């Protein structure tokens, strides 16, 4: 569809690889390099944007947590240690402890329920099994629904 040379030229113009390397060029610790990449490229450029559009789609105002620079610097020093704190260690810090069921809860992950929203918006509770968004796309194609 697109000219391969045009794609290559655009990729080189973005300087993506050098920009990624610049994000952690002065950091020696591997764990801190990863944190720098996540904070700079994932949290700022992806997670915050996704939170914004998902909340605004439902007329919700989401206040993202403010990352205090002093707190960030303090936590970074802990992470740099030979034995960095794990999630449980961090959860034990607050004066008011988290309930045991929260501390022992299995990881749940996070996803944006686009498929459910789309099916709800057309008045269907028929959610079929399928990979990714394929099931709702097939449903819409078979029902010839115009959105």
C-alpha atoms as a PDB file:
ATOM      1  CA  UNK A   1       0.000   0.000   0.000  1.00  0.00           C
ATOM      2  CA  UNK A   2       2.771   2.404   0.956  1.00  0.00           C
ATOM      3  CA  UNK A   3       6.068   2.722  -0.801  1.00  0.00           C
ATOM      4  CA  UNK A   4       8.757   0.907   1.190  1.00  0.00           C
ATOM      5  CA  UNK A   5      11.241   3.711   0.625  1.00  0.00           C
ATOM      6  CA  UNK A   6       8.742   6.269   1.950  1.00  0.00           C
ATOM      7  CA  UNK A   7       8.234   4.197   5.105  1.00  0.00           C
ATOM      8  CA  UNK A   8      11.992   3.843   5.625  1.00  0.00           C
ATOM      9  CA  UNK A   9      12.498   7.571   5.115  1.00  0.00           C
ATOM     10  CA  UNK A  10       9.750   8.413   7.620  1.00  0.00           C
ATOM     11  CA  UNK A  11      11.125   5.958  10.198  1.00  0.00           C
ATOM     12  CA  UNK A  12      14.607   7.427   9.889  1.00  0.00           C
ATOM     13  CA  UNK A  13      13.240  10.967  10.176  1.00  0.00           C
ATOM     14  CA  UNK A  14      11.569  10.094  13.485  1.00  0.00           C
ATOM     15  CA  UNK A  15      14.925   8.983  14.938  1.00  0.00           C
ATOM     16  CA  UNK A  16      13.008   6.520  17.103  1.00  0.00           C
ATOM     17  CA  UNK A  17      15.927   4.261  18.027  1.00  0.00           C
ATOM     18  CA  UNK A  18      18.208   7.151  18.982  1.00  0.00           C
ATOM     19  CA  UNK A  19      15.363   8.775  20.960  1.00  0.00           C
ATOM     20  CA  UNK A  20      14.805   5.506  22.851  1.00  0.00           C
ATOM     21  CA  UNK A  21      18.519   5.215  23.603  1.00  0.00           C
ATOM     22  CA  UNK A  22      18.659   8.837  24.741  1.00  0.00           C
ATOM     23  CA  UNK A  23      15.936   8.051  27.319  1.00  0.00           C
ATOM     24  CA  UNK A  24      18.411   5.953  29.306  1.00  0.00           C
ATOM     25  CA  UNK A  25      21.862   6.834  27.965  1.00  0.00           C
ATOM     26  CA  UNK A  26      23.209   8.087  31.314  1.00  0.00           C
ATOM     27  CA  UNK A  27      21.615   5.310  33.418  1.00  0.00           C
ATOM     28  CA  UNK A  28      23.784   2.305  34.332  1.00  0.00           C
ATOM     29  CA  UNK A  29      21.297   0.113  36.244  1.00  0.00           C
ATOM     30  CA  UNK A  30      19.228  -2.166  33.965  1.00  0.00           C
ATOM     31  CA  UNK A  31      16.112  -1.923  36.165  1.00  0.00           C
ATOM     32  CA  UNK A  32      16.284   1.882  36.126  1.00  0.00           C
ATOM     33  CA  UNK A  33      16.752   1.871  32.347  1.00  0.00           C
ATOM     34  CA  UNK A  34      13.523  -0.093  32.029  1.00  0.00           C
ATOM     35  CA  UNK A  35      11.749   2.283  34.425  1.00  0.00           C
ATOM     36  CA  UNK A  36      12.948   5.264  32.398  1.00  0.00           C
ATOM     37  CA  UNK A  37      11.614   3.706  29.190  1.00  0.00           C
ATOM     38  CA  UNK A  38       8.265   2.794  30.786  1.00  0.00           C
ATOM     39  CA  UNK A  39       7.827   6.233  32.321  1.00  0.00           C
ATOM     40  CA  UNK A  40       8.869   8.157  29.232  1.00  0.00           C
ATOM     41  CA  UNK A  41       7.419   6.047  26.434  1.00  0.00           C
ATOM     42  CA  UNK A  42       4.604   3.958  27.916  1.00  0.00           C
ATOM     43  CA  UNK A  43       3.098   5.934  30.787  1.00  0.00           C
ATOM     44  CA  UNK A  44       3.275   9.357  29.158  1.00  0.00           C
ATOM     45  CA  UNK A  45       2.632   8.420  25.542  1.00  0.00           C
ATOM     46  CA  UNK A  46       0.247   5.484  25.852  1.00  0.00           C
ATOM     47  CA  UNK A  47      -1.272   4.871  29.267  1.00  0.00           C
ATOM     48  CA  UNK A  48      -2.261   8.479  29.949  1.00  0.00           C
ATOM     49  CA  UNK A  49      -3.709   8.886  26.451  1.00  0.00           C
ATOM     50  CA  UNK A  50      -5.729   5.658  26.701  1.00  0.00           C
ATOM     51  CA  UNK A  51      -7.061   6.658  30.115  1.00  0.00           C
ATOM     52  CA  UNK A  52      -8.117   9.994  28.692  1.00  0.00           C
ATOM     53  CA  UNK A  53     -10.044   8.696  25.673  1.00  0.00           C
ATOM     54  CA  UNK A  54     -11.623   5.781  27.554  1.00  0.00           C
ATOM     55  CA  UNK A  55     -12.884   8.025  30.346  1.00  0.00           C
ATOM     56  CA  UNK A  56     -14.060  10.829  28.049  1.00  0.00           C
ATOM     57  CA  UNK A  57     -15.981   8.308  25.938  1.00  0.00           C
ATOM     58  CA  UNK A  58     -18.203   7.832  28.999  1.00  0.00           C
ATOM     59  CA  UNK A  59     -18.263  11.453  30.134  1.00  0.00           C
ATOM     60  CA  UNK A  60     -16.007  10.682  33.072  1.00  0.00           C
ATOM     61  CA  UNK A  61     -13.354  12.996  34.400  1.00  0.00           C
ATOM     62  CA  UNK A  62     -10.361  10.953  35.490  1.00  0.00           C
ATOM     63  CA  UNK A  63      -7.746  12.607  37.648  1.00  0.00           C
ATOM     64  CA  UNK A  64      -4.464  10.866  37.114  1.00  0.00           C
ATOM     65  CA  UNK A  65      -2.145  10.644  40.088  1.00  0.00           C
ATOM     66  CA  UNK A  66       0.353  13.436  40.383  1.00  0.00           C
ATOM     67  CA  UNK A  67       3.884  12.072  40.405  1.00  0.00           C
ATOM     68  CA  UNK A  68       5.707  14.167  42.965  1.00  0.00           C
ATOM     69  CA  UNK A  69       9.328  14.613  41.892  1.00  0.00           C
ATOM     70  CA  UNK A  70      10.711  14.173  45.420  1.00  0.00           C
ATOM     71  CA  UNK A  71       8.731  10.967  45.909  1.00  0.00           C
ATOM     72  CA  UNK A  72       9.901   9.769  42.494  1.00  0.00           C
ATOM     73  CA  UNK A  73      13.556  10.463  43.362  1.00  0.00           C
ATOM     74  CA  UNK A  74      13.218   8.674  46.707  1.00  0.00           C
ATOM     75  CA  UNK A  75      11.597   5.603  45.182  1.00  0.00           C
ATOM     76  CA  UNK A  76      14.227   5.557  42.427  1.00  0.00           C
ATOM     77  CA  UNK A  77      16.973   5.294  45.067  1.00  0.00           C
ATOM     78  CA  UNK A  78      15.230   2.257  46.593  1.00  0.00           C
ATOM     79  CA  UNK A  79      14.864   0.586  43.217  1.00  0.00           C
ATOM     80  CA  UNK A  80      18.578   1.115  42.549  1.00  0.00           C
ATOM     81  CA  UNK A  81      19.563  -0.955  45.633  1.00  0.00           C
ATOM     82  CA  UNK A  82      20.783  -4.537  45.349  1.00  0.00           C
ATOM     83  CA  UNK A  83      17.527  -5.721  46.987  1.00  0.00           C
ATOM     84  CA  UNK A  84      14.836  -3.419  45.637  1.00  0.00           C
ATOM     85  CA  UNK A  85      11.447  -3.443  47.354  1.00  0.00           C
ATOM     86  CA  UNK A  86       8.782  -5.632  45.792  1.00  0.00           C
ATOM     87  CA  UNK A  87       5.064  -4.821  45.575  1.00  0.00           C
ATOM     88  CA  UNK A  88       4.343  -6.375  48.973  1.00  0.00           C
ATOM     89  CA  UNK A  89       7.128  -4.294  50.588  1.00  0.00           C
ATOM     90  CA  UNK A  90       5.646  -1.143  49.071  1.00  0.00           C
ATOM     91  CA  UNK A  91       2.119  -2.132  50.160  1.00  0.00           C
ATOM     92  CA  UNK A  92       3.301  -2.440  53.775  1.00  0.00           C
ATOM     93  CA  UNK A  93       4.536   1.183  53.938  1.00  0.00           C
ATOM     94  CA  UNK A  94       1.247   3.054  54.583  1.00  0.00           C
ATOM     95  CA  UNK A  95       0.259   3.596  58.212  1.00  0.00           C
ATOM     96  CA  UNK A  96      -3.229   2.257  57.450  1.00  0.00           C
ATOM     97  CA  UNK A  97      -2.531  -1.240  56.139  1.00  0.00           C
ATOM     98  CA  UNK A  98      -4.292  -2.681  53.135  1.00  0.00           C
ATOM     99  CA  UNK A  99      -6.819  -5.447  53.846  1.00  0.00           C
ATOM    100  CA  UNK A 100      -5.381  -8.973  53.655  1.00  0.00           C
ATOM    101  CA  UNK A 101      -7.690  -9.896  50.756  1.00  0.00           C
ATOM    102  CA  UNK A 102      -6.213  -7.019  48.737  1.00  0.00           C
ATOM    103  CA  UNK A 103      -2.624  -7.975  49.600  1.00  0.00           C
ATOM    104  CA  UNK A 104      -3.203 -11.622  48.642  1.00  0.00           C
ATOM    105  CA  UNK A 105      -5.345 -10.991  45.559  1.00  0.00           C
ATOM    106  CA  UNK A 106      -4.107 -12.482  42.294  1.00  0.00           C
ATOM    107  CA  UNK A 107      -3.033 -10.155  39.514  1.00  0.00           C
ATOM    108  CA  UNK A 108      -5.999  -9.103  37.375  1.00  0.00           C
ATOM    109  CA  UNK A 109      -4.415  -7.033  34.644  1.00  0.00           C
ATOM    110  CA  UNK A 110      -6.096  -4.144  32.905  1.00  0.00           C
ATOM    111  CA  UNK A 111      -7.894  -3.923  29.612  1.00  0.00           C
ATOM    112  CA  UNK A 112     -10.279  -1.538  27.954  1.00  0.00           C
ATOM    113  CA  UNK A 113     -13.554  -3.388  27.244  1.00  0.00           C
ATOM    114  CA  UNK A 114     -14.044  -2.035  23.719  1.00  0.00           C
ATOM    115  CA  UNK A 115     -15.826  -5.183  22.526  1.00  0.00           C
ATOM    116  CA  UNK A 116     -18.400  -5.043  25.314  1.00  0.00           C
ATOM    117  CA  UNK A 117     -18.989  -1.315  24.782  1.00  0.00           C
ATOM    118  CA  UNK A 118     -19.606  -1.784  21.080  1.00  0.00           C
ATOM    119  CA  UNK A 119     -21.977  -4.698  21.570  1.00  0.00           C
ATOM    120  CA  UNK A 120     -23.835  -2.846  24.330  1.00  0.00           C
ATOM    121  CA  UNK A 121     -24.189   0.190  22.084  1.00  0.00           C
ATOM    122  CA  UNK A 122     -26.052  -1.840  19.444  1.00  0.00           C
ATOM    123  CA  UNK A 123     -28.272  -3.531  22.014  1.00  0.00           C
ATOM    124  CA  UNK A 124     -26.770  -6.986  21.830  1.00  0.00           C
ATOM    125  CA  UNK A 125     -25.675  -9.170  24.702  1.00  0.00           C
ATOM    126  CA  UNK A 126     -24.296 -11.748  22.284  1.00  0.00           C
ATOM    127  CA  UNK A 127     -20.582 -11.780  22.928  1.00  0.00           C
ATOM    128  CA  UNK A 128     -18.909 -14.663  21.185  1.00  0.00           C
ATOM    129  CA  UNK A 129     -15.486 -16.078  21.835  1.00  0.00           C
ATOM    130  CA  UNK A 130     -12.824 -14.852  19.491  1.00  0.00           C
ATOM    131  CA  UNK A 131      -9.329 -13.518  19.362  1.00  0.00           C
ATOM    132  CA  UNK A 132      -8.993  -9.805  20.102  1.00  0.00           C
ATOM    133  CA  UNK A 133     -11.749  -7.763  18.513  1.00  0.00           C
ATOM    134  CA  UNK A 134     -12.464 -10.376  15.848  1.00  0.00           C
ATOM    135  CA  UNK A 135     -15.678 -11.708  17.434  1.00  0.00           C
ATOM    136  CA  UNK A 136     -17.523  -8.392  17.491  1.00  0.00           C
ATOM    137  CA  UNK A 137     -16.295  -7.577  13.963  1.00  0.00           C
ATOM    138  CA  UNK A 138     -17.658 -10.918  12.719  1.00  0.00           C
ATOM    139  CA  UNK A 139     -20.930 -10.306  14.562  1.00  0.00           C
ATOM    140  CA  UNK A 140     -21.319  -6.904  12.921  1.00  0.00           C
ATOM    141  CA  UNK A 141     -20.442  -8.294   9.488  1.00  0.00           C
ATOM    142  CA  UNK A 142     -22.982 -11.136   9.756  1.00  0.00           C
ATOM    143  CA  UNK A 143     -25.741  -8.874  11.039  1.00  0.00           C
ATOM    144  CA  UNK A 144     -24.986  -6.192   8.407  1.00  0.00           C
ATOM    145  CA  UNK A 145     -25.223  -3.519  11.066  1.00  0.00           C
ATOM    146  CA  UNK A 146     -24.247  -0.021  10.064  1.00  0.00           C
ATOM    147  CA  UNK A 147     -22.464   2.030  12.704  1.00  0.00           C
END
